């Protein structure tokens, strides 16, 4: 059947560990960059979902005018 998943995870984690300070610095920069991209995407997605402040008022006015 193979090794338990916890054991495989520990082995994979050990294999990915940076071995020098330059590797650690590079990985840190990559993770910061990825985190910033995810933060911006999340913010953009939330704003797009909510719409602008006037949207709800505009929608209510339009519905009133056309009798919805």
Protein backbone atom coordinates (compact mmCIF):
# COMPACT_ATOMS: atom_id res chain seq x y z
CA UNK A 1 0.00 0.00 0.00
CA UNK A 2 2.88 2.40 0.58
CA UNK A 3 3.79 4.83 3.28
CA UNK A 4 1.18 6.76 5.26
CA UNK A 5 0.41 10.22 3.89
CA UNK A 6 1.89 11.95 6.95
CA UNK A 7 5.22 10.29 6.33
CA UNK A 8 5.21 11.28 2.64
CA UNK A 9 4.39 14.86 3.60
CA UNK A 10 7.31 15.01 6.05
CA UNK A 11 9.66 13.66 3.38
CA UNK A 12 8.43 16.15 0.80
CA UNK A 13 8.79 19.01 3.28
CA UNK A 14 12.35 17.98 4.09
CA UNK A 15 13.19 17.76 0.39
CA UNK A 16 11.92 21.31 -0.26
CA UNK A 17 13.75 22.99 2.60
CA UNK A 18 16.20 25.65 1.45
CA UNK A 19 19.77 24.66 2.20
CA UNK A 20 21.41 28.08 2.09
CA UNK A 21 20.56 31.62 3.07
CA UNK A 22 20.39 32.67 -0.61
CA UNK A 23 17.82 29.94 -1.30
CA UNK A 24 15.89 30.99 1.77
CA UNK A 25 15.92 34.62 0.63
CA UNK A 26 14.76 33.65 -2.87
CA UNK A 27 11.95 31.51 -1.50
CA UNK A 28 10.92 34.33 0.86
CA UNK A 29 10.73 36.82 -2.05
CA UNK A 30 8.72 34.34 -4.15
CA UNK A 31 6.26 33.76 -1.30
CA UNK A 32 5.88 37.50 -0.67
CA UNK A 33 5.23 38.08 -4.37
CA UNK A 34 2.65 35.27 -4.49
CA UNK A 35 0.99 36.58 -1.32
CA UNK A 36 0.71 40.09 -2.79
CA UNK A 37 -0.83 38.71 -5.99
CA UNK A 38 -3.37 36.71 -3.98
CA UNK A 39 -4.17 39.73 -1.77
CA UNK A 40 -4.79 41.94 -4.83
CA UNK A 41 -6.90 39.28 -6.54
CA UNK A 42 -8.96 38.79 -3.40
CA UNK A 43 -9.51 42.52 -2.99
CA UNK A 44 -10.47 42.90 -6.64
CA UNK A 45 -12.85 39.97 -6.44
CA UNK A 46 -14.54 41.31 -3.30
CA UNK A 47 -14.94 44.79 -4.84
CA UNK A 48 -16.38 43.36 -8.05
CA UNK A 49 -18.85 41.28 -6.03
CA UNK A 50 -20.02 44.24 -3.96
CA UNK A 51 -20.11 46.78 -6.77
CA UNK A 52 -19.82 50.48 -6.21
CA UNK A 53 -21.68 52.39 -3.52
CA UNK A 54 -24.21 53.90 -5.93
CA UNK A 55 -25.18 50.64 -7.63
CA UNK A 56 -27.92 49.71 -5.17
CA UNK A 57 -29.44 53.19 -5.35
CA UNK A 58 -29.24 53.21 -9.13
CA UNK A 59 -30.87 49.80 -9.31
CA UNK A 60 -33.68 50.83 -6.95
CA UNK A 61 -34.34 53.99 -8.98
CA UNK A 62 -34.38 52.06 -12.26
CA UNK A 63 -36.78 49.48 -10.83
CA UNK A 64 -39.06 52.24 -9.56
CA UNK A 65 -39.07 54.00 -12.92
CA UNK A 66 -39.82 50.89 -14.97
CA UNK A 67 -42.26 49.52 -12.39
CA UNK A 68 -40.54 46.34 -11.29
